[in-house]
C-alpha atoms as a PDB file:
ATOM      1  CA  GLU A   1      37.653  99.595 -74.664  1.00  0.00           C
ATOM      2  CA  HIS A   2      34.538 101.220 -76.179  1.00  0.00           C
ATOM      3  CA  LEU A   3      32.481 100.288 -73.119  1.00  0.00           C
ATOM      4  CA  ARG A   4      35.065 101.912 -70.825  1.00  0.00           C
ATOM      5  CA  VAL A   5      35.094 105.092 -72.916  1.00  0.00           C
ATOM      6  CA  LEU A   6      31.288 105.156 -72.975  1.00  0.00           C
ATOM      7  CA  ARG A   7      31.080 104.846 -69.185  1.00  0.00           C
ATOM      8  CA  ALA A   8      33.565 107.703 -68.765  1.00  0.00           C
ATOM      9  CA  ALA A   9      31.623 109.879 -71.225  1.00  0.00           C
ATOM     10  CA  ILE A  10      28.347 109.267 -69.410  1.00  0.00           C
ATOM     11  CA  ALA A  11      29.955 110.210 -66.093  1.00  0.00           C
ATOM     12  CA  ALA A  12      31.485 113.409 -67.520  1.00  0.00           C
ATOM     13  CA  PRO A  13      29.844 116.787 -66.941  1.00  0.00           C
ATOM     14  CA  VAL A  14      28.729 117.154 -70.567  1.00  0.00           C
ATOM     15  CA  ARG A  15      25.376 117.814 -72.216  1.00  0.00           C
ATOM     16  CA  ALA A  16      25.673 115.368 -75.112  1.00  0.00           C
ATOM     17  CA  VAL A  17      27.850 112.522 -76.344  1.00  0.00           C
ATOM     18  CA  ALA A  18      27.755 111.484 -79.997  1.00  0.00           C
ATOM     19  CA  LEU A  19      28.962 107.970 -80.732  1.00  0.00           C
ATOM     20  CA  VAL A  20      30.124 106.958 -84.197  1.00  0.00           C
ATOM     21  CA  GLY A  21      30.114 103.397 -85.450  1.00  0.00           C
ATOM     22  CA  THR A  22      28.967  99.915 -84.666  1.00  0.00           C
ATOM     23  CA  ARG A  23      31.446  99.306 -81.838  1.00  0.00           C
ATOM     24  CA  PHE A  24      29.968 102.153 -79.805  1.00  0.00           C
ATOM     25  CA  ALA A  25      26.446 101.000 -80.685  1.00  0.00           C
ATOM     26  CA  THR A  26      27.339  97.556 -79.358  1.00  0.00           C
ATOM     27  CA  ALA A  27      28.855  99.081 -76.205  1.00  0.00           C
ATOM     28  CA  LEU A  28      25.705 101.140 -75.651  1.00  0.00           C
ATOM     29  CA  GLN A  29      23.546  98.033 -76.000  1.00  0.00           C
ATOM     30  CA  ALA A  30      25.794  96.124 -73.576  1.00  0.00           C
ATOM     31  CA  LEU A  31      25.637  98.942 -71.055  1.00  0.00           C
ATOM     32  CA  SER A  32      21.846  99.068 -71.232  1.00  0.00           C
ATOM     33  CA  ALA A  33      21.542  95.269 -71.114  1.00  0.00           C
ATOM     34  CA  GLY A  34      23.945  95.143 -68.170  1.00  0.00           C
ATOM     35  CA  GLY A  35      21.509  96.991 -65.960  1.00  0.00           C
ATOM     36  CA  ALA A  36      22.404 100.611 -66.621  1.00  0.00           C
ATOM     37  CA  SER A  37      19.337 102.764 -66.416  1.00  0.00           C
ATOM     38  CA  VAL A  38      18.300 103.823 -69.881  1.00  0.00           C
ATOM     39  CA  GLY A  39      17.019 107.005 -68.255  1.00  0.00           C
ATOM     40  CA  ALA A  40      20.559 107.856 -67.169  1.00  0.00           C
ATOM     41  CA  LEU A  41      21.597 107.665 -70.804  1.00  0.00           C
ATOM     42  CA  ASP A  42      19.079 110.177 -72.144  1.00  0.00           C
ATOM     43  CA  THR A  43      17.652 112.468 -69.456  1.00  0.00           C
ATOM     44  CA  GLU A  44      18.481 115.581 -67.533  1.00  0.00           C
ATOM     45  CA  SER A  45      20.430 113.405 -65.047  1.00  0.00           C
ATOM     46  CA  GLY A  46      23.085 112.596 -67.619  1.00  0.00           C
ATOM     47  CA  PRO A  47      24.252 113.488 -71.091  1.00  0.00           C
ATOM     48  CA  ARG A  48      22.108 112.867 -74.121  1.00  0.00           C
ATOM     49  CA  ILE A  49      23.594 109.890 -75.956  1.00  0.00           C
ATOM     50  CA  VAL A  50      23.394 110.224 -79.734  1.00  0.00           C
ATOM     51  CA  PRO A  51      24.580 107.183 -81.706  1.00  0.00           C
ATOM     52  CA  VAL A  52      25.251 107.518 -85.436  1.00  0.00           C
ATOM     53  CA  ALA A  53      26.422 104.877 -87.870  1.00  0.00           C
ATOM     54  CA  THR A  54      28.952 106.905 -89.848  1.00  0.00           C
ATOM     55  CA  THR A  55      31.076 110.044 -89.697  1.00  0.00           C
ATOM     56  CA  ASP A  56      28.956 111.516 -92.509  1.00  0.00           C
ATOM     57  CA  GLU A  57      25.925 111.399 -90.177  1.00  0.00           C
ATOM     58  CA  LEU A  58      27.793 113.136 -87.355  1.00  0.00           C
ATOM     59  CA  VAL A  59      27.836 116.795 -88.475  1.00  0.00           C
ATOM     60  CA  PRO A  60      24.056 117.076 -89.032  1.00  0.00           C
ATOM     61  CA  VAL A  61      23.509 115.526 -85.593  1.00  0.00           C
ATOM     62  CA  LEU A  62      25.994 117.894 -83.982  1.00  0.00           C
ATOM     63  CA  ASN A  63      24.322 120.791 -85.766  1.00  0.00           C
ATOM     64  CA  GLU A  64      21.137 119.947 -83.843  1.00  0.00           C
ATOM     65  CA  HIS A  65      22.888 119.865 -80.468  1.00  0.00           C
ATOM     66  CA  ILE A  66      25.682 122.454 -80.551  1.00  0.00           C
ATOM     67  CA  ARG A  67      25.024 125.845 -79.026  1.00  0.00           C
ATOM     68  CA  HIS A  68      27.143 128.991 -79.184  1.00  0.00           C
ATOM     69  CA  GLY A  69      30.154 128.606 -76.888  1.00  0.00           C
ATOM     70  CA  ASP A  70      30.074 124.803 -76.791  1.00  0.00           C
ATOM     71  CA  VAL A  71      33.292 122.841 -77.017  1.00  0.00           C
ATOM     72  CA  VAL A  72      33.339 119.804 -79.293  1.00  0.00           C
ATOM     73  CA  LEU A  73      35.858 117.037 -78.668  1.00  0.00           C
ATOM     74  CA  LEU A  74      36.359 114.637 -81.566  1.00  0.00           C
ATOM     75  CA  LYS A  75      38.023 111.451 -80.350  1.00  0.00           C
ATOM     76  CA  GLY A  76      38.416 108.280 -82.318  1.00  0.00           C
ATOM     77  CA  SER A  77      40.712 106.110 -84.343  1.00  0.00           C
ATOM     78  CA  ARG A  78      42.002 107.464 -87.635  1.00  0.00           C
ATOM     79  CA  ALA A  79      40.047 104.720 -89.391  1.00  0.00           C
ATOM     80  CA  VAL A  80      36.770 106.408 -88.394  1.00  0.00           C
ATOM     81  CA  GLY A  81      37.849 109.608 -90.159  1.00  0.00           C
ATOM     82  CA  LEU A  82      36.591 112.170 -87.672  1.00  0.00           C
ATOM     83  CA  GLU A  83      39.043 114.706 -89.093  1.00  0.00           C
ATOM     84  CA  ARG A  84      36.727 114.979 -92.114  1.00  0.00           C
ATOM     85  CA  CYS A  85      34.183 116.630 -89.792  1.00  0.00           C
ATOM     86  CA  ILE A  86      36.433 119.542 -88.830  1.00  0.00           C
ATOM     87  CA  PRO A  87      35.934 121.710 -91.952  1.00  0.00           C
ATOM     88  CA  ARG A  88      32.186 121.077 -91.834  1.00  0.00           C
ATOM     89  CA  LEU A  89      32.016 121.994 -88.127  1.00  0.00           C
ATOM     90  CA  ARG A  90      33.995 125.162 -88.774  1.00  0.00           C
ATOM     91  CA  ALA A  91      31.580 126.040 -91.559  1.00  0.00           C
ATOM     92  CA  LEU A  92      28.670 125.610 -89.137  1.00  0.00           C
ATOM     93  CA  GLY A  93      30.339 128.021 -86.731  1.00  0.00           C
ATOM     94  CA  THR A  94      30.982 130.542 -89.483  1.00  0.00           C
ATOM     95  CA  SER A  95      27.389 130.400 -90.747  1.00  0.00           C
ATOM     96  CA  ARG A  96      26.042 130.805 -87.202  1.00  0.00           C
ATOM     97  CA  GLU A  97      28.305 133.811 -86.608  1.00  0.00           C
ATOM     98  CA  ALA A  98      27.078 135.396 -89.848  1.00  0.00           C
ATOM     99  CA  SER A  99      23.430 134.817 -88.962  1.00  0.00           C
ATOM    100  CA  ARG A 100      23.880 136.587 -85.607  1.00  0.00           C
ATOM    101  CA  ALA A 101      25.517 139.652 -87.206  1.00  0.00           C
END
């Protein structure tokens, strides 16, 4: 399932895809080992793939990649706890708005 989701994310018209957890890391390794061009995973021809181990690592990574007007989709099982990122992402947006004022 993770490999299928990863393939769909790579094919999507997005700038970056952040992957949380070991299952996505394993899927990324399998995709690369299966002959997928590593360049297609991290160049201008496709989205930048950003793997992180835990949800706690996600917000700082997103902070590096999110630009004003970007849309962030958080998708995962409840066990991963992505909902914990929402208040922190909102706070990033608020602090960026304040810095532009």
